[in-house]
Every structure is written in structure tokens, then in C-alpha cells.
N, C-alpha and C. Protein backbone atom coordinates (compact mmCIF):
# COMPACT_ATOMS: atom_id res chain seq x y z
N MET A 1 -15.21 -17.66 -15.61
CA MET A 1 -14.17 -16.90 -14.94
C MET A 1 -13.21 -17.86 -14.24
N LYS A 2 -11.93 -17.59 -14.39
CA LYS A 2 -10.92 -18.38 -13.70
C LYS A 2 -11.04 -18.14 -12.20
N GLU A 3 -10.66 -19.15 -11.42
CA GLU A 3 -10.61 -18.97 -9.98
C GLU A 3 -9.56 -17.89 -9.66
N GLN A 4 -9.90 -17.01 -8.74
CA GLN A 4 -8.98 -15.93 -8.40
C GLN A 4 -7.77 -16.49 -7.66
N LYS A 5 -6.62 -16.15 -8.19
CA LYS A 5 -5.37 -16.53 -7.54
C LYS A 5 -5.05 -15.52 -6.46
N THR A 6 -4.53 -15.98 -5.35
CA THR A 6 -4.13 -15.07 -4.29
C THR A 6 -2.62 -15.19 -4.05
N TYR A 7 -2.07 -14.11 -3.52
CA TYR A 7 -0.62 -14.02 -3.31
C TYR A 7 -0.35 -13.45 -1.93
N PRO A 8 0.83 -13.76 -1.37
CA PRO A 8 1.16 -13.20 -0.05
C PRO A 8 1.46 -11.70 -0.14
N ILE A 9 0.96 -10.97 0.83
CA ILE A 9 1.17 -9.52 0.91
C ILE A 9 1.86 -9.21 2.23
N TYR A 10 2.86 -8.36 2.15
CA TYR A 10 3.63 -7.95 3.32
C TYR A 10 3.59 -6.44 3.44
N THR A 11 3.61 -5.95 4.67
CA THR A 11 3.72 -4.53 4.93
C THR A 11 5.09 -4.27 5.54
N PHE A 12 5.76 -3.26 5.02
CA PHE A 12 7.08 -2.85 5.49
C PHE A 12 6.93 -1.46 6.10
N SER A 13 7.49 -1.25 7.28
CA SER A 13 7.34 0.06 7.92
C SER A 13 8.61 0.47 8.64
N ALA A 14 8.74 1.78 8.80
CA ALA A 14 9.85 2.38 9.52
C ALA A 14 9.30 3.45 10.44
N HIS A 15 9.92 3.58 11.59
CA HIS A 15 9.56 4.63 12.56
C HIS A 15 10.87 5.22 13.06
N TRP A 16 10.96 6.55 13.05
CA TRP A 16 12.21 7.19 13.43
C TRP A 16 11.92 8.55 14.05
N SER A 17 12.95 9.10 14.72
CA SER A 17 12.88 10.48 15.20
C SER A 17 13.78 11.32 14.29
N GLN A 18 13.49 12.61 14.25
CA GLN A 18 14.26 13.52 13.41
C GLN A 18 14.14 14.93 13.99
N ASP A 19 14.99 15.82 13.52
CA ASP A 19 14.87 17.22 13.92
C ASP A 19 13.56 17.77 13.37
N GLY A 20 12.88 18.58 14.18
CA GLY A 20 11.64 19.18 13.72
C GLY A 20 11.00 20.02 14.81
N LYS A 21 10.06 20.83 14.39
CA LYS A 21 9.34 21.71 15.33
C LYS A 21 8.23 20.92 16.00
N GLN A 22 8.25 20.95 17.32
CA GLN A 22 7.22 20.25 18.08
C GLN A 22 5.95 21.08 18.14
N ASP A 23 4.83 20.45 17.83
CA ASP A 23 3.52 21.11 17.84
C ASP A 23 2.77 20.61 19.08
N MET A 24 2.48 21.50 19.99
CA MET A 24 1.83 21.12 21.25
C MET A 24 0.40 20.60 21.03
N ASN A 25 -0.18 20.86 19.87
CA ASN A 25 -1.50 20.30 19.56
C ASN A 25 -1.42 18.81 19.25
N TYR A 26 -0.22 18.30 18.99
CA TYR A 26 -0.02 16.89 18.64
C TYR A 26 1.10 16.31 19.50
N PRO A 27 0.85 16.13 20.81
CA PRO A 27 1.91 15.68 21.71
C PRO A 27 2.48 14.30 21.38
N LYS A 28 1.70 13.42 20.78
CA LYS A 28 2.23 12.09 20.44
C LYS A 28 3.33 12.16 19.38
N TRP A 29 3.36 13.24 18.61
CA TRP A 29 4.37 13.39 17.56
C TRP A 29 5.76 13.69 18.12
N HIS A 30 5.80 13.99 19.43
CA HIS A 30 7.11 14.26 20.03
C HIS A 30 7.24 13.66 21.44
N GLU A 31 6.29 12.85 21.82
CA GLU A 31 6.28 12.23 23.15
C GLU A 31 7.59 11.47 23.42
N GLY A 32 8.23 11.80 24.54
CA GLY A 32 9.46 11.12 24.93
C GLY A 32 10.72 11.63 24.26
N LEU A 33 10.59 12.66 23.44
CA LEU A 33 11.75 13.19 22.72
C LEU A 33 12.19 14.53 23.30
N PRO A 34 13.47 14.86 23.18
CA PRO A 34 13.92 16.18 23.64
C PRO A 34 13.38 17.27 22.71
N GLU A 35 13.44 18.50 23.17
CA GLU A 35 12.97 19.63 22.38
C GLU A 35 13.69 19.66 21.02
N GLY A 36 12.92 19.95 19.98
CA GLY A 36 13.50 20.03 18.64
C GLY A 36 13.51 18.71 17.89
N ARG A 37 12.94 17.66 18.49
CA ARG A 37 12.88 16.34 17.82
C ARG A 37 11.41 15.93 17.71
N ILE A 38 11.08 15.24 16.62
CA ILE A 38 9.72 14.74 16.40
C ILE A 38 9.80 13.31 15.88
N TRP A 39 8.69 12.59 16.03
CA TRP A 39 8.58 11.24 15.47
C TRP A 39 8.07 11.33 14.04
N ASN A 40 8.48 10.37 13.24
CA ASN A 40 7.98 10.26 11.87
C ASN A 40 7.95 8.79 11.50
N GLY A 41 7.26 8.45 10.46
CA GLY A 41 7.18 7.07 10.03
C GLY A 41 6.55 6.96 8.65
N THR A 42 6.73 5.81 8.07
CA THR A 42 6.13 5.53 6.77
C THR A 42 6.01 4.03 6.60
N SER A 43 5.20 3.62 5.66
CA SER A 43 5.05 2.19 5.38
C SER A 43 4.54 1.99 3.96
N PHE A 44 4.67 0.78 3.49
CA PHE A 44 4.10 0.40 2.20
C PHE A 44 3.85 -1.10 2.22
N SER A 45 3.00 -1.54 1.32
CA SER A 45 2.72 -2.96 1.18
C SER A 45 3.20 -3.44 -0.18
N LYS A 46 3.49 -4.71 -0.25
CA LYS A 46 3.97 -5.30 -1.51
C LYS A 46 3.47 -6.74 -1.59
N MET A 47 3.04 -7.10 -2.78
CA MET A 47 2.59 -8.46 -3.06
C MET A 47 3.73 -9.20 -3.75
N TYR A 48 3.90 -10.46 -3.40
CA TYR A 48 4.91 -11.32 -4.03
C TYR A 48 4.25 -12.58 -4.55
N ARG A 49 4.89 -13.18 -5.52
CA ARG A 49 4.35 -14.43 -6.08
C ARG A 49 4.42 -15.58 -5.08
N GLU A 50 5.45 -15.55 -4.24
CA GLU A 50 5.65 -16.62 -3.25
C GLU A 50 5.96 -16.02 -1.89
N GLU A 51 5.72 -16.81 -0.83
CA GLU A 51 6.04 -16.35 0.51
C GLU A 51 7.52 -16.07 0.65
N LYS A 52 7.85 -15.13 1.50
CA LYS A 52 9.23 -14.76 1.77
C LYS A 52 9.63 -15.27 3.16
N THR A 53 10.91 -15.60 3.31
CA THR A 53 11.43 -15.97 4.62
C THR A 53 11.70 -14.70 5.41
N GLN A 54 11.86 -14.83 6.71
CA GLN A 54 12.17 -13.67 7.52
C GLN A 54 13.50 -13.05 7.10
N GLU A 55 14.46 -13.87 6.74
CA GLU A 55 15.75 -13.35 6.28
C GLU A 55 15.58 -12.51 5.02
N GLU A 56 14.77 -12.98 4.07
CA GLU A 56 14.51 -12.22 2.85
C GLU A 56 13.81 -10.90 3.17
N LEU A 57 12.85 -10.94 4.09
CA LEU A 57 12.12 -9.74 4.47
C LEU A 57 13.04 -8.72 5.14
N ASP A 58 13.95 -9.21 5.98
CA ASP A 58 14.89 -8.31 6.64
C ASP A 58 15.77 -7.59 5.62
N ILE A 59 16.20 -8.29 4.59
CA ILE A 59 17.02 -7.68 3.54
C ILE A 59 16.19 -6.66 2.76
N ILE A 60 14.96 -7.02 2.41
CA ILE A 60 14.09 -6.11 1.65
C ILE A 60 13.85 -4.81 2.41
N VAL A 61 13.50 -4.91 3.70
CA VAL A 61 13.17 -3.71 4.46
C VAL A 61 14.42 -2.86 4.71
N LYS A 62 15.57 -3.48 4.90
CA LYS A 62 16.80 -2.71 5.10
C LYS A 62 17.20 -1.98 3.82
N GLU A 63 17.14 -2.66 2.67
CA GLU A 63 17.48 -2.00 1.40
C GLU A 63 16.50 -0.88 1.09
N TRP A 64 15.22 -1.12 1.34
CA TRP A 64 14.22 -0.08 1.13
C TRP A 64 14.51 1.13 2.01
N TRP A 65 14.82 0.92 3.30
CA TRP A 65 15.10 2.01 4.22
C TRP A 65 16.27 2.86 3.73
N GLU A 66 17.33 2.19 3.29
CA GLU A 66 18.50 2.93 2.80
C GLU A 66 18.16 3.78 1.58
N LYS A 67 17.38 3.24 0.65
CA LYS A 67 16.97 4.02 -0.54
C LYS A 67 16.03 5.16 -0.14
N PHE A 68 15.13 4.88 0.80
CA PHE A 68 14.20 5.90 1.27
C PHE A 68 14.96 7.07 1.88
N LEU A 69 15.91 6.76 2.77
CA LEU A 69 16.71 7.82 3.41
C LEU A 69 17.46 8.65 2.38
N GLU A 70 18.04 7.97 1.39
CA GLU A 70 18.77 8.69 0.35
C GLU A 70 17.82 9.63 -0.42
N SER A 71 16.61 9.17 -0.70
CA SER A 71 15.66 9.99 -1.45
C SER A 71 15.13 11.16 -0.63
N LYS A 72 15.22 11.08 0.69
CA LYS A 72 14.70 12.13 1.58
C LYS A 72 15.80 12.90 2.29
N LYS A 73 17.03 12.78 1.81
CA LYS A 73 18.17 13.39 2.53
C LYS A 73 18.03 14.90 2.72
N ASN A 74 17.29 15.57 1.86
CA ASN A 74 17.08 17.01 2.01
C ASN A 74 15.87 17.35 2.87
N ASP A 75 15.06 16.33 3.21
CA ASP A 75 13.83 16.56 3.97
C ASP A 75 13.90 16.07 5.41
N ILE A 76 14.73 15.09 5.67
CA ILE A 76 14.80 14.48 7.00
C ILE A 76 16.17 14.79 7.59
N THR A 77 16.17 15.55 8.69
CA THR A 77 17.42 15.96 9.32
C THR A 77 17.71 15.09 10.54
N LYS A 78 18.89 14.50 10.55
CA LYS A 78 19.38 13.68 11.66
C LYS A 78 18.41 12.57 12.06
N PRO A 79 18.03 11.68 11.13
CA PRO A 79 17.12 10.59 11.49
C PRO A 79 17.80 9.59 12.42
N GLU A 80 17.04 9.16 13.43
CA GLU A 80 17.47 8.09 14.32
C GLU A 80 16.38 7.03 14.28
N LEU A 81 16.73 5.89 13.72
CA LEU A 81 15.77 4.81 13.52
C LEU A 81 15.28 4.25 14.85
N ASP A 82 13.97 4.15 14.99
CA ASP A 82 13.34 3.51 16.14
C ASP A 82 13.12 2.03 15.82
N TYR A 83 12.53 1.76 14.65
CA TYR A 83 12.39 0.37 14.22
C TYR A 83 12.13 0.29 12.72
N LEU A 84 12.47 -0.86 12.17
CA LEU A 84 12.08 -1.32 10.84
C LEU A 84 11.28 -2.59 11.05
N LYS A 85 10.16 -2.74 10.35
CA LYS A 85 9.33 -3.93 10.51
C LYS A 85 8.90 -4.46 9.16
N SER A 86 8.76 -5.76 9.11
CA SER A 86 8.10 -6.41 7.97
C SER A 86 7.07 -7.34 8.57
N GLU A 87 5.87 -7.31 8.00
CA GLU A 87 4.77 -8.06 8.58
C GLU A 87 3.94 -8.72 7.48
N PHE A 88 3.69 -10.00 7.62
CA PHE A 88 2.82 -10.73 6.70
C PHE A 88 1.39 -10.28 6.96
N LYS A 89 0.69 -9.85 5.90
CA LYS A 89 -0.68 -9.35 6.05
C LYS A 89 -1.73 -10.37 5.62
N GLY A 90 -1.33 -11.35 4.84
CA GLY A 90 -2.29 -12.35 4.39
C GLY A 90 -2.22 -12.54 2.89
N TYR A 91 -3.11 -13.36 2.40
CA TYR A 91 -3.20 -13.64 0.97
C TYR A 91 -4.38 -12.87 0.40
N GLU A 92 -4.19 -12.32 -0.78
CA GLU A 92 -5.27 -11.60 -1.44
C GLU A 92 -4.99 -11.58 -2.94
N SER A 93 -6.01 -11.29 -3.73
CA SER A 93 -5.89 -11.28 -5.18
C SER A 93 -5.37 -9.93 -5.70
N TRP A 94 -5.57 -8.85 -4.95
CA TRP A 94 -5.15 -7.50 -5.32
C TRP A 94 -4.53 -6.83 -4.12
N TYR A 95 -3.64 -5.85 -4.37
CA TYR A 95 -3.16 -5.04 -3.26
C TYR A 95 -3.10 -3.58 -3.67
N LEU A 96 -3.19 -2.72 -2.67
CA LEU A 96 -3.27 -1.28 -2.87
C LEU A 96 -1.90 -0.63 -2.80
N SER A 97 -1.62 0.18 -3.81
CA SER A 97 -0.52 1.13 -3.71
C SER A 97 -1.18 2.51 -3.83
N TRP A 98 -0.46 3.56 -4.16
CA TRP A 98 -1.03 4.90 -4.10
C TRP A 98 -2.10 5.13 -5.16
N PHE A 99 -3.37 5.14 -4.77
CA PHE A 99 -4.52 5.34 -5.62
C PHE A 99 -4.56 4.41 -6.83
N GLN A 100 -4.08 3.20 -6.62
CA GLN A 100 -4.21 2.15 -7.63
C GLN A 100 -4.05 0.80 -6.94
N HIS A 101 -4.61 -0.20 -7.58
CA HIS A 101 -4.45 -1.57 -7.12
C HIS A 101 -3.72 -2.33 -8.21
N GLU A 102 -3.04 -3.38 -7.79
CA GLU A 102 -2.37 -4.20 -8.79
C GLU A 102 -2.42 -5.67 -8.41
N THR A 103 -2.23 -6.49 -9.42
CA THR A 103 -2.11 -7.93 -9.27
C THR A 103 -1.12 -8.41 -10.32
N PHE A 104 -0.79 -9.67 -10.26
CA PHE A 104 0.15 -10.22 -11.24
C PHE A 104 -0.58 -10.56 -12.54
N ASP A 105 0.12 -10.38 -13.63
CA ASP A 105 -0.40 -10.73 -14.95
C ASP A 105 -0.11 -12.21 -15.20
N ASP A 106 -1.16 -13.00 -15.10
CA ASP A 106 -1.04 -14.44 -15.33
C ASP A 106 -1.80 -14.86 -16.58
N GLY A 107 -1.92 -13.91 -17.52
CA GLY A 107 -2.60 -14.21 -18.77
C GLY A 107 -4.10 -13.96 -18.75
N GLN A 108 -4.60 -13.23 -17.75
CA GLN A 108 -6.02 -12.95 -17.68
C GLN A 108 -6.44 -12.01 -18.82
N THR A 109 -7.65 -12.19 -19.29
CA THR A 109 -8.21 -11.24 -20.25
C THR A 109 -8.61 -9.97 -19.51
N ASP A 110 -8.83 -8.88 -20.24
CA ASP A 110 -9.29 -7.65 -19.61
C ASP A 110 -10.61 -7.89 -18.87
N GLU A 111 -11.50 -8.64 -19.48
CA GLU A 111 -12.79 -8.94 -18.84
C GLU A 111 -12.58 -9.69 -17.53
N GLU A 112 -11.70 -10.66 -17.51
CA GLU A 112 -11.42 -11.41 -16.28
C GLU A 112 -10.81 -10.51 -15.21
N VAL A 113 -9.94 -9.61 -15.62
CA VAL A 113 -9.30 -8.68 -14.68
C VAL A 113 -10.36 -7.78 -14.05
N LEU A 114 -11.22 -7.20 -14.87
CA LEU A 114 -12.25 -6.29 -14.35
C LEU A 114 -13.23 -7.03 -13.43
N GLN A 115 -13.57 -8.25 -13.79
CA GLN A 115 -14.47 -9.04 -12.95
C GLN A 115 -13.78 -9.38 -11.62
N SER A 116 -12.53 -9.76 -11.68
CA SER A 116 -11.77 -10.07 -10.47
C SER A 116 -11.68 -8.85 -9.56
N PHE A 117 -11.35 -7.70 -10.14
CA PHE A 117 -11.22 -6.49 -9.33
C PHE A 117 -12.56 -6.08 -8.74
N SER A 118 -13.62 -6.21 -9.52
CA SER A 118 -14.95 -5.89 -9.03
C SER A 118 -15.31 -6.78 -7.82
N GLN A 119 -15.00 -8.06 -7.92
CA GLN A 119 -15.27 -8.97 -6.81
C GLN A 119 -14.43 -8.60 -5.58
N TYR A 120 -13.18 -8.23 -5.81
CA TYR A 120 -12.31 -7.79 -4.72
C TYR A 120 -12.91 -6.57 -4.02
N VAL A 121 -13.28 -5.56 -4.80
CA VAL A 121 -13.84 -4.33 -4.23
C VAL A 121 -15.11 -4.65 -3.45
N ASP A 122 -16.00 -5.46 -4.01
CA ASP A 122 -17.23 -5.83 -3.31
C ASP A 122 -16.92 -6.54 -1.99
N ARG A 123 -15.95 -7.43 -2.01
CA ARG A 123 -15.56 -8.19 -0.81
C ARG A 123 -15.01 -7.24 0.27
N VAL A 124 -14.16 -6.31 -0.14
CA VAL A 124 -13.59 -5.35 0.82
C VAL A 124 -14.69 -4.44 1.38
N GLN A 125 -15.56 -3.95 0.52
CA GLN A 125 -16.64 -3.08 0.98
C GLN A 125 -17.54 -3.80 1.99
N SER A 126 -17.88 -5.04 1.70
CA SER A 126 -18.73 -5.82 2.60
C SER A 126 -18.07 -5.99 3.97
N LYS A 127 -16.79 -6.35 3.96
CA LYS A 127 -16.04 -6.51 5.22
C LYS A 127 -15.95 -5.18 5.96
N ASN A 128 -15.67 -4.09 5.23
CA ASN A 128 -15.58 -2.76 5.86
C ASN A 128 -16.91 -2.35 6.50
N GLU A 129 -18.02 -2.68 5.85
CA GLU A 129 -19.34 -2.34 6.42
C GLU A 129 -19.56 -3.08 7.73
N GLU A 130 -19.16 -4.35 7.80
CA GLU A 130 -19.26 -5.12 9.05
C GLU A 130 -18.43 -4.45 10.15
N ILE A 131 -17.21 -4.07 9.80
CA ILE A 131 -16.30 -3.44 10.77
C ILE A 131 -16.85 -2.08 11.20
N ASP A 132 -17.42 -1.32 10.26
CA ASP A 132 -18.03 -0.02 10.58
C ASP A 132 -19.15 -0.18 11.60
N ARG A 133 -20.00 -1.20 11.39
CA ARG A 133 -21.11 -1.43 12.31
C ARG A 133 -20.60 -1.75 13.72
N GLU A 134 -19.49 -2.48 13.79
CA GLU A 134 -18.98 -2.89 15.10
C GLU A 134 -18.18 -1.79 15.80
N PHE A 135 -17.38 -1.01 15.05
CA PHE A 135 -16.46 -0.07 15.68
C PHE A 135 -16.74 1.40 15.39
N GLY A 136 -17.73 1.68 14.56
CA GLY A 136 -18.10 3.07 14.29
C GLY A 136 -16.95 3.91 13.79
N GLU A 137 -16.70 5.02 14.46
CA GLU A 137 -15.67 5.98 14.03
C GLU A 137 -14.30 5.74 14.68
N ASP A 138 -14.15 4.65 15.42
CA ASP A 138 -12.87 4.35 16.08
C ASP A 138 -11.91 3.75 15.05
N TYR A 139 -11.19 4.64 14.33
CA TYR A 139 -10.34 4.21 13.23
C TYR A 139 -9.22 3.28 13.67
N ASN A 140 -8.67 3.50 14.86
CA ASN A 140 -7.61 2.60 15.33
C ASN A 140 -8.12 1.17 15.46
N GLU A 141 -9.30 1.01 16.05
CA GLU A 141 -9.87 -0.33 16.20
C GLU A 141 -10.27 -0.92 14.85
N LYS A 142 -10.82 -0.08 13.98
CA LYS A 142 -11.25 -0.56 12.66
C LYS A 142 -10.07 -1.16 11.90
N TYR A 143 -8.93 -0.45 11.87
CA TYR A 143 -7.78 -0.94 11.12
C TYR A 143 -7.15 -2.15 11.79
N LYS A 144 -7.24 -2.25 13.11
CA LYS A 144 -6.74 -3.43 13.81
C LYS A 144 -7.54 -4.68 13.42
N HIS A 145 -8.79 -4.47 13.02
CA HIS A 145 -9.67 -5.59 12.71
C HIS A 145 -9.87 -5.81 11.21
N GLY A 146 -8.94 -5.30 10.40
CA GLY A 146 -8.95 -5.64 8.98
C GLY A 146 -9.60 -4.65 8.04
N TYR A 147 -9.98 -3.47 8.53
CA TYR A 147 -10.55 -2.46 7.65
C TYR A 147 -9.51 -2.08 6.60
N LYS A 148 -9.94 -2.01 5.33
CA LYS A 148 -9.03 -1.65 4.24
C LYS A 148 -9.56 -0.43 3.52
N THR A 149 -8.70 0.52 3.32
CA THR A 149 -9.07 1.69 2.54
C THR A 149 -9.02 1.32 1.05
N LEU A 150 -9.94 1.81 0.28
CA LEU A 150 -9.98 1.52 -1.16
C LEU A 150 -9.50 2.70 -2.00
N MET A 151 -9.28 3.86 -1.39
CA MET A 151 -8.77 5.06 -2.07
C MET A 151 -9.52 5.38 -3.36
N GLY A 152 -10.83 5.25 -3.32
CA GLY A 152 -11.63 5.61 -4.49
C GLY A 152 -12.00 4.45 -5.40
N ALA A 153 -11.47 3.26 -5.16
CA ALA A 153 -11.77 2.11 -6.03
C ALA A 153 -13.25 1.72 -5.97
N GLU A 154 -13.94 2.11 -4.90
CA GLU A 154 -15.36 1.78 -4.80
C GLU A 154 -16.19 2.54 -5.85
N ASP A 155 -15.62 3.61 -6.40
CA ASP A 155 -16.27 4.37 -7.47
C ASP A 155 -15.77 3.82 -8.80
N ARG A 156 -16.52 2.92 -9.37
CA ARG A 156 -16.07 2.23 -10.57
C ARG A 156 -15.81 3.17 -11.75
N TRP A 157 -16.44 4.32 -11.77
CA TRP A 157 -16.21 5.28 -12.86
C TRP A 157 -14.78 5.84 -12.82
N ARG A 158 -14.09 5.69 -11.68
CA ARG A 158 -12.71 6.17 -11.57
C ARG A 158 -11.69 5.21 -12.19
N TRP A 159 -12.06 3.97 -12.40
CA TRP A 159 -11.11 2.97 -12.84
C TRP A 159 -10.52 3.35 -14.20
N HIS A 160 -9.21 3.32 -14.29
CA HIS A 160 -8.57 3.63 -15.56
C HIS A 160 -7.16 3.05 -15.60
N GLY A 161 -6.58 3.09 -16.78
CA GLY A 161 -5.20 2.70 -17.00
C GLY A 161 -4.38 3.94 -17.30
N ALA A 162 -3.12 3.73 -17.66
CA ALA A 162 -2.21 4.84 -17.99
C ALA A 162 -1.42 4.50 -19.24
N GLU A 163 -2.13 4.01 -20.23
CA GLU A 163 -1.46 3.64 -21.48
C GLU A 163 -1.39 4.85 -22.40
N PRO A 164 -0.38 4.98 -23.20
CA PRO A 164 0.60 3.93 -23.53
C PRO A 164 1.86 3.96 -22.67
N ASP A 165 2.14 5.09 -21.97
CA ASP A 165 3.45 5.24 -21.34
C ASP A 165 3.45 5.22 -19.82
N GLY A 166 2.34 4.92 -19.18
CA GLY A 166 2.31 4.86 -17.73
C GLY A 166 2.32 6.20 -17.03
N LYS A 167 2.11 7.28 -17.78
CA LYS A 167 2.11 8.62 -17.20
C LYS A 167 0.70 8.93 -16.67
N PRO A 168 0.60 9.68 -15.57
CA PRO A 168 -0.71 10.00 -15.01
C PRO A 168 -1.66 10.66 -16.00
N GLU A 169 -1.11 11.45 -16.93
CA GLU A 169 -1.99 12.11 -17.90
C GLU A 169 -2.45 11.17 -19.03
N ASP A 170 -1.89 9.97 -19.08
CA ASP A 170 -2.28 8.97 -20.08
C ASP A 170 -3.46 8.15 -19.58
N TYR A 171 -4.64 8.68 -19.71
CA TYR A 171 -5.83 7.94 -19.29
C TYR A 171 -6.22 6.96 -20.39
N SER A 172 -6.46 5.73 -19.99
CA SER A 172 -6.94 4.71 -20.92
C SER A 172 -7.94 3.85 -20.16
N PRO A 173 -8.74 3.08 -20.88
CA PRO A 173 -9.68 2.21 -20.18
C PRO A 173 -8.93 1.21 -19.29
N ALA A 174 -9.54 0.89 -18.15
CA ALA A 174 -8.97 -0.13 -17.26
C ALA A 174 -9.13 -1.50 -17.90
N PRO A 175 -8.22 -2.41 -17.64
CA PRO A 175 -7.03 -2.31 -16.79
C PRO A 175 -5.85 -1.73 -17.56
N CYS A 176 -4.82 -1.33 -16.80
CA CYS A 176 -3.62 -0.78 -17.41
C CYS A 176 -2.68 -1.92 -17.80
N ARG A 177 -2.23 -1.84 -19.02
CA ARG A 177 -1.23 -2.78 -19.52
C ARG A 177 -0.14 -1.98 -20.25
N CYS A 178 0.24 -0.86 -19.64
CA CYS A 178 1.26 0.00 -20.24
C CYS A 178 2.61 -0.73 -20.25
N LYS A 179 3.59 -0.11 -20.87
CA LYS A 179 4.90 -0.75 -20.99
C LYS A 179 5.51 -1.05 -19.62
N PHE A 180 5.27 -0.22 -18.61
CA PHE A 180 5.82 -0.46 -17.28
C PHE A 180 5.13 -1.64 -16.59
N CYS A 181 3.82 -1.72 -16.74
CA CYS A 181 3.10 -2.88 -16.19
C CYS A 181 3.61 -4.16 -16.84
N LYS A 182 3.76 -4.12 -18.16
CA LYS A 182 4.25 -5.30 -18.87
C LYS A 182 5.64 -5.69 -18.42
N GLU A 183 6.54 -4.71 -18.28
CA GLU A 183 7.90 -5.00 -17.82
C GLU A 183 7.91 -5.63 -16.44
N GLN A 184 7.00 -5.20 -15.58
CA GLN A 184 6.95 -5.68 -14.19
C GLN A 184 6.08 -6.92 -14.03
N GLY A 185 5.39 -7.33 -15.08
CA GLY A 185 4.55 -8.51 -15.01
C GLY A 185 3.31 -8.33 -14.16
N VAL A 186 2.79 -7.09 -14.13
CA VAL A 186 1.60 -6.79 -13.32
C VAL A 186 0.51 -6.17 -14.18
N ILE A 187 -0.67 -6.10 -13.59
CA ILE A 187 -1.81 -5.41 -14.17
C ILE A 187 -2.28 -4.43 -13.09
N ARG A 188 -2.51 -3.19 -13.48
CA ARG A 188 -2.94 -2.18 -12.51
C ARG A 188 -4.28 -1.60 -12.92
N ILE A 189 -5.01 -1.19 -11.91
CA ILE A 189 -6.22 -0.39 -12.11
C ILE A 189 -6.05 0.84 -11.22
N ALA A 190 -5.91 1.99 -11.85
CA ALA A 190 -5.80 3.25 -11.13
C ALA A 190 -7.20 3.77 -10.85
N HIS A 191 -7.29 4.59 -9.81
CA HIS A 191 -8.59 5.17 -9.46
C HIS A 191 -8.35 6.47 -8.74
């Protein structure tokens, strides 16, 4: 097995207020805001082949925010940005997007990919178990100390690809090397 290559991972996040109905059961969702306004936020992570400068990260998060707002223009009324953030999360061989993990395609065989992903999942599970023992059900503390959600990847029977066309209904054996993965130079394992 080839030595696992790792890549820098960054998290990008936005926090804003918007028009909305305040729910008294969730006071933090409107804390400090006038009546009719609520807090909202979102984030995502992205892996890059090389480290990014702060200037590059600022451009990435600003462009992402503008596209996000455009895509949500019918859902978010009168957004007022609280902050945009980009944060270096560390180096890793795989990163999580929505119910799938991905890494860069550097010529690995399917067997090497599956072995690499299996080692990643085992490593994350082991670290999560340590964090669980220390912090129990305190999710805020757990995530502050490196707890990572696997979104079902721990169930190896869920692993699959989306060949030939990258559509969710296109189940194929893992890893995925559909036309979209190939175009993007990545390998994905959905779960």
C-alpha cells in the first residue's frame, strides 16, 4: 500500500441574521435581535492540493457567500451578514461532504482507495471513542476537541459509487469514478 497522502482542509462559514419567526423554545436563535429577526448560518469544508494564503481564502469565502445568497434569494429575506470565516482544520487523507467522503485521484487503484478509506474510518472512530469517553454527551465540547461525524461511513456496507453518471440512483461499487469525479480529479465514496 502506498503511504497515505494528506492535504490541507479548510472550513468556510457564514453567520447572518434574517427575517423570520422567533421561537421562544430556542432563544439563542434570536438572542440580541429585534422582533421578527432570527440568526442563521451554514458552513462547509474543502480539501485543496496545497495550502492557501489568507488572501486566497478571503476570496474563496466571499465568492462562495455571494453564490450562496443568490441560490437562496427566495428563502432568505433581508440577510445581514454577521461574519464570514475561513479556518484551517488540518491535514487529512479524506474529507467529508454531504454523506460522502472524497480525496484526490493520484492514480490509486480501487483496492488502495478502499484500504485508505478503511484506515481513515478506523482512525476517526478510534479518536471519536477517546473523545466520547472524556466528554460523554457534551457535543459542544466533543466537537471542540476534534470529534468528527462520519455520516454513516462507519457502516462499510453503505459504501458505494454513483457510476456511470454521478446520479444518486446510480449505485455502483465503491469507489466512485464517475465522469464528474474524473473531471474534478477526485475519488468519492458515498455512504
